[in-house]
N, C-alpha and C. Protein backbone atom coordinates (compact mmCIF):
# COMPACT_ATOMS: atom_id res chain seq x y z
N MET A 1 -9.28 12.24 2.48
CA MET A 1 -8.92 11.15 3.37
C MET A 1 -9.44 9.83 2.79
N ALA A 2 -8.64 8.81 2.87
CA ALA A 2 -9.02 7.50 2.32
C ALA A 2 -10.11 6.86 3.18
N ASN A 3 -10.95 6.10 2.53
CA ASN A 3 -12.01 5.38 3.24
C ASN A 3 -11.54 3.96 3.51
N PHE A 4 -10.88 3.76 4.63
CA PHE A 4 -10.41 2.44 5.01
C PHE A 4 -11.48 1.71 5.79
N THR A 5 -11.56 0.41 5.59
CA THR A 5 -12.45 -0.40 6.41
C THR A 5 -11.82 -0.53 7.80
N GLN A 6 -12.57 -1.03 8.75
CA GLN A 6 -12.01 -1.25 10.09
C GLN A 6 -10.84 -2.23 10.02
N ALA A 7 -10.96 -3.25 9.18
CA ALA A 7 -9.88 -4.24 9.04
C ALA A 7 -8.64 -3.59 8.43
N ASP A 8 -8.84 -2.72 7.43
CA ASP A 8 -7.71 -2.00 6.82
C ASP A 8 -7.01 -1.14 7.87
N ARG A 9 -7.81 -0.40 8.62
CA ARG A 9 -7.24 0.51 9.63
C ARG A 9 -6.50 -0.29 10.70
N ALA A 10 -7.04 -1.43 11.09
CA ALA A 10 -6.38 -2.27 12.09
C ALA A 10 -5.04 -2.79 11.57
N ALA A 11 -5.00 -3.17 10.29
CA ALA A 11 -3.75 -3.66 9.70
C ALA A 11 -2.71 -2.54 9.64
N ILE A 12 -3.13 -1.36 9.26
CA ILE A 12 -2.23 -0.20 9.20
C ILE A 12 -1.69 0.12 10.60
N ASP A 13 -2.59 0.16 11.57
CA ASP A 13 -2.18 0.45 12.95
C ASP A 13 -1.23 -0.62 13.50
N LYS A 14 -1.45 -1.87 13.11
CA LYS A 14 -0.58 -2.96 13.56
C LYS A 14 0.83 -2.78 13.01
N VAL A 15 0.94 -2.44 11.72
CA VAL A 15 2.26 -2.22 11.12
C VAL A 15 2.95 -1.03 11.79
N ALA A 16 2.20 0.03 12.04
CA ALA A 16 2.78 1.20 12.70
C ALA A 16 3.30 0.84 14.09
N ALA A 17 2.54 0.05 14.84
CA ALA A 17 2.97 -0.38 16.18
C ALA A 17 4.22 -1.24 16.08
N GLN A 18 4.26 -2.14 15.09
CA GLN A 18 5.44 -2.98 14.89
C GLN A 18 6.65 -2.11 14.53
N TYR A 19 6.43 -1.09 13.72
CA TYR A 19 7.52 -0.19 13.36
C TYR A 19 8.08 0.50 14.61
N HIS A 20 7.19 0.97 15.48
CA HIS A 20 7.64 1.68 16.69
C HIS A 20 8.40 0.75 17.64
N GLN A 21 8.05 -0.53 17.63
CA GLN A 21 8.76 -1.50 18.48
C GLN A 21 10.13 -1.84 17.90
N LYS A 22 10.19 -1.96 16.57
CA LYS A 22 11.44 -2.33 15.91
C LYS A 22 11.49 -1.61 14.55
N PRO A 23 12.01 -0.38 14.55
CA PRO A 23 12.02 0.41 13.31
C PRO A 23 12.77 -0.28 12.17
N GLY A 24 12.29 -0.06 10.99
CA GLY A 24 12.90 -0.60 9.79
C GLY A 24 12.35 0.16 8.60
N THR A 25 12.23 -0.52 7.47
CA THR A 25 11.66 0.08 6.27
C THR A 25 10.31 -0.56 6.00
N VAL A 26 9.33 0.26 5.73
CA VAL A 26 7.98 -0.22 5.41
C VAL A 26 7.84 -0.24 3.89
N HIS A 27 7.56 -1.41 3.34
CA HIS A 27 7.35 -1.58 1.90
C HIS A 27 5.85 -1.75 1.66
N ILE A 28 5.31 -0.92 0.79
CA ILE A 28 3.90 -1.00 0.43
C ILE A 28 3.83 -1.35 -1.05
N VAL A 29 3.15 -2.45 -1.37
CA VAL A 29 2.95 -2.84 -2.76
C VAL A 29 1.44 -2.86 -3.02
N ALA A 30 1.02 -2.01 -3.94
CA ALA A 30 -0.39 -1.95 -4.33
C ALA A 30 -0.53 -2.61 -5.69
N TYR A 31 -1.45 -3.54 -5.81
CA TYR A 31 -1.58 -4.33 -7.03
C TYR A 31 -2.61 -3.74 -7.98
N ALA A 32 -2.22 -3.66 -9.26
CA ALA A 32 -3.06 -3.11 -10.32
C ALA A 32 -3.72 -4.23 -11.09
N ALA A 33 -4.93 -3.98 -11.54
CA ALA A 33 -5.66 -4.95 -12.35
C ALA A 33 -4.95 -5.14 -13.68
N ALA A 34 -4.91 -6.37 -14.14
CA ALA A 34 -4.33 -6.66 -15.44
C ALA A 34 -5.36 -6.35 -16.52
N THR A 35 -4.94 -5.55 -17.50
CA THR A 35 -5.82 -5.23 -18.63
C THR A 35 -5.02 -5.38 -19.92
N SER A 36 -5.72 -5.42 -21.03
CA SER A 36 -5.03 -5.59 -22.31
C SER A 36 -4.75 -4.25 -23.00
N ALA A 37 -5.49 -3.23 -22.67
CA ALA A 37 -5.30 -1.93 -23.31
C ALA A 37 -4.29 -1.09 -22.51
N SER A 38 -3.40 -0.44 -23.23
CA SER A 38 -2.33 0.30 -22.55
C SER A 38 -2.87 1.46 -21.71
N LYS A 39 -3.88 2.18 -22.19
CA LYS A 39 -4.46 3.29 -21.40
C LYS A 39 -5.11 2.75 -20.14
N GLU A 40 -5.83 1.65 -20.25
CA GLU A 40 -6.46 1.04 -19.07
C GLU A 40 -5.40 0.56 -18.08
N GLN A 41 -4.31 0.00 -18.61
CA GLN A 41 -3.24 -0.48 -17.73
C GLN A 41 -2.60 0.69 -17.00
N LEU A 42 -2.36 1.79 -17.69
CA LEU A 42 -1.80 2.98 -17.06
C LEU A 42 -2.73 3.51 -15.98
N ASP A 43 -4.03 3.54 -16.28
CA ASP A 43 -5.02 3.98 -15.29
C ASP A 43 -5.03 3.05 -14.07
N ALA A 44 -4.91 1.74 -14.32
CA ALA A 44 -4.91 0.77 -13.21
C ALA A 44 -3.69 0.96 -12.33
N TYR A 45 -2.54 1.22 -12.94
CA TYR A 45 -1.32 1.47 -12.15
C TYR A 45 -1.46 2.77 -11.35
N GLY A 46 -2.04 3.78 -11.98
CA GLY A 46 -2.26 5.06 -11.28
C GLY A 46 -3.16 4.87 -10.07
N ALA A 47 -4.23 4.11 -10.23
CA ALA A 47 -5.15 3.86 -9.12
C ALA A 47 -4.47 3.04 -8.03
N ALA A 48 -3.66 2.07 -8.43
CA ALA A 48 -2.94 1.25 -7.45
C ALA A 48 -1.96 2.11 -6.66
N LEU A 49 -1.25 2.97 -7.35
CA LEU A 49 -0.30 3.84 -6.66
C LEU A 49 -1.01 4.79 -5.70
N GLU A 50 -2.17 5.30 -6.09
CA GLU A 50 -2.95 6.15 -5.18
C GLU A 50 -3.35 5.39 -3.92
N ARG A 51 -3.75 4.12 -4.08
CA ARG A 51 -4.10 3.31 -2.90
C ARG A 51 -2.88 3.14 -2.00
N GLY A 52 -1.74 2.84 -2.61
CA GLY A 52 -0.52 2.67 -1.83
C GLY A 52 -0.12 3.95 -1.11
N GLN A 53 -0.28 5.08 -1.77
CA GLN A 53 0.06 6.36 -1.16
C GLN A 53 -0.90 6.72 -0.03
N ALA A 54 -2.15 6.31 -0.15
CA ALA A 54 -3.11 6.53 0.94
C ALA A 54 -2.71 5.75 2.18
N VAL A 55 -2.23 4.52 1.98
CA VAL A 55 -1.75 3.70 3.09
C VAL A 55 -0.52 4.36 3.71
N ALA A 56 0.39 4.84 2.86
CA ALA A 56 1.60 5.51 3.35
C ALA A 56 1.24 6.74 4.18
N LYS A 57 0.27 7.51 3.71
CA LYS A 57 -0.16 8.70 4.45
C LYS A 57 -0.73 8.32 5.81
N ALA A 58 -1.49 7.23 5.86
CA ALA A 58 -2.04 6.77 7.14
C ALA A 58 -0.93 6.34 8.09
N LEU A 59 0.10 5.68 7.55
CA LEU A 59 1.23 5.27 8.39
C LEU A 59 1.99 6.49 8.91
N VAL A 60 2.16 7.49 8.08
CA VAL A 60 2.80 8.74 8.53
C VAL A 60 1.97 9.37 9.65
N GLY A 61 0.66 9.32 9.50
CA GLY A 61 -0.23 9.82 10.54
C GLY A 61 -0.09 9.06 11.85
N ASP A 62 0.35 7.80 11.74
CA ASP A 62 0.59 6.97 12.93
C ASP A 62 2.02 7.10 13.44
N GLY A 63 2.79 8.04 12.86
CA GLY A 63 4.12 8.31 13.38
C GLY A 63 5.28 7.62 12.67
N VAL A 64 5.01 6.94 11.56
CA VAL A 64 6.10 6.31 10.80
C VAL A 64 6.71 7.41 9.92
N PRO A 65 8.03 7.63 9.99
CA PRO A 65 8.65 8.68 9.17
C PRO A 65 8.49 8.40 7.68
N VAL A 66 8.16 9.44 6.93
CA VAL A 66 7.93 9.28 5.49
C VAL A 66 9.16 8.71 4.79
N GLY A 67 10.36 9.02 5.26
CA GLY A 67 11.57 8.51 4.66
C GLY A 67 11.80 7.03 4.88
N LYS A 68 10.99 6.40 5.72
CA LYS A 68 11.10 4.96 5.99
C LYS A 68 10.04 4.15 5.24
N ILE A 69 9.31 4.81 4.33
CA ILE A 69 8.23 4.15 3.61
C ILE A 69 8.54 4.13 2.12
N GLN A 70 8.44 2.95 1.51
CA GLN A 70 8.60 2.79 0.06
C GLN A 70 7.29 2.27 -0.50
N THR A 71 6.78 2.95 -1.53
CA THR A 71 5.49 2.58 -2.12
C THR A 71 5.69 2.27 -3.60
N GLU A 72 5.05 1.19 -4.07
CA GLU A 72 5.11 0.85 -5.48
C GLU A 72 3.81 0.22 -5.94
N ALA A 73 3.59 0.29 -7.25
CA ALA A 73 2.46 -0.40 -7.87
C ALA A 73 3.03 -1.57 -8.65
N ALA A 74 2.34 -2.69 -8.64
CA ALA A 74 2.78 -3.90 -9.34
C ALA A 74 1.57 -4.56 -9.98
N PRO A 75 1.79 -5.35 -11.02
CA PRO A 75 0.66 -6.03 -11.66
C PRO A 75 0.14 -7.17 -10.78
N ALA A 76 -1.16 -7.29 -10.74
CA ALA A 76 -1.77 -8.42 -10.03
C ALA A 76 -1.60 -9.66 -10.91
N ARG A 77 -1.42 -10.80 -10.27
CA ARG A 77 -1.33 -12.06 -11.03
C ARG A 77 -2.68 -12.36 -11.66
N ALA A 78 -2.64 -13.12 -12.72
CA ALA A 78 -3.88 -13.52 -13.40
C ALA A 78 -4.80 -14.21 -12.41
N GLY A 79 -6.04 -13.77 -12.34
CA GLY A 79 -7.02 -14.36 -11.45
C GLY A 79 -6.98 -13.83 -10.03
N ALA A 80 -5.92 -13.07 -9.68
CA ALA A 80 -5.83 -12.50 -8.33
C ALA A 80 -6.66 -11.21 -8.29
N PRO A 81 -7.20 -10.90 -7.14
CA PRO A 81 -8.01 -9.69 -7.06
C PRO A 81 -7.14 -8.44 -7.18
N SER A 82 -7.62 -7.47 -7.94
CA SER A 82 -6.93 -6.19 -7.99
C SER A 82 -7.39 -5.38 -6.79
N GLY A 83 -6.70 -4.31 -6.51
CA GLY A 83 -7.07 -3.49 -5.37
C GLY A 83 -6.41 -3.91 -4.08
N ARG A 84 -5.65 -4.98 -4.13
CA ARG A 84 -4.98 -5.49 -2.94
C ARG A 84 -3.75 -4.65 -2.65
N VAL A 85 -3.50 -4.41 -1.36
CA VAL A 85 -2.31 -3.70 -0.92
C VAL A 85 -1.63 -4.57 0.13
N VAL A 86 -0.32 -4.78 -0.03
CA VAL A 86 0.45 -5.57 0.92
C VAL A 86 1.45 -4.64 1.59
N ILE A 87 1.51 -4.73 2.92
CA ILE A 87 2.45 -3.92 3.70
C ILE A 87 3.41 -4.86 4.39
N GLN A 88 4.71 -4.60 4.22
CA GLN A 88 5.73 -5.42 4.87
C GLN A 88 6.70 -4.50 5.61
N LEU A 89 7.15 -4.95 6.75
CA LEU A 89 8.15 -4.24 7.53
C LEU A 89 9.42 -5.06 7.52
N SER A 90 10.51 -4.48 7.05
CA SER A 90 11.78 -5.20 7.02
C SER A 90 12.84 -4.41 7.80
N PRO A 91 13.83 -5.12 8.33
CA PRO A 91 14.87 -4.44 9.11
C PRO A 91 15.69 -3.47 8.28
């Protein structure tokens, strides 16, 4: 089980509640740290995808159908913090 902070859990629960009020597609983007070495970059993307999948699993636990969730890993912008996960609900 993922170790979410109270703020993380509140954000996940808020998205799940919004989904139940107006179902749509949940997009999860987990950002990977930018590195110069290809192995490190692959590891960073793997870790980002694991974070995104943990969020998806929590949303499924809150009743969001797995088929309505899309998860991806993306590179963090230069100077932006890695480890960030953005959740969006679209119609």
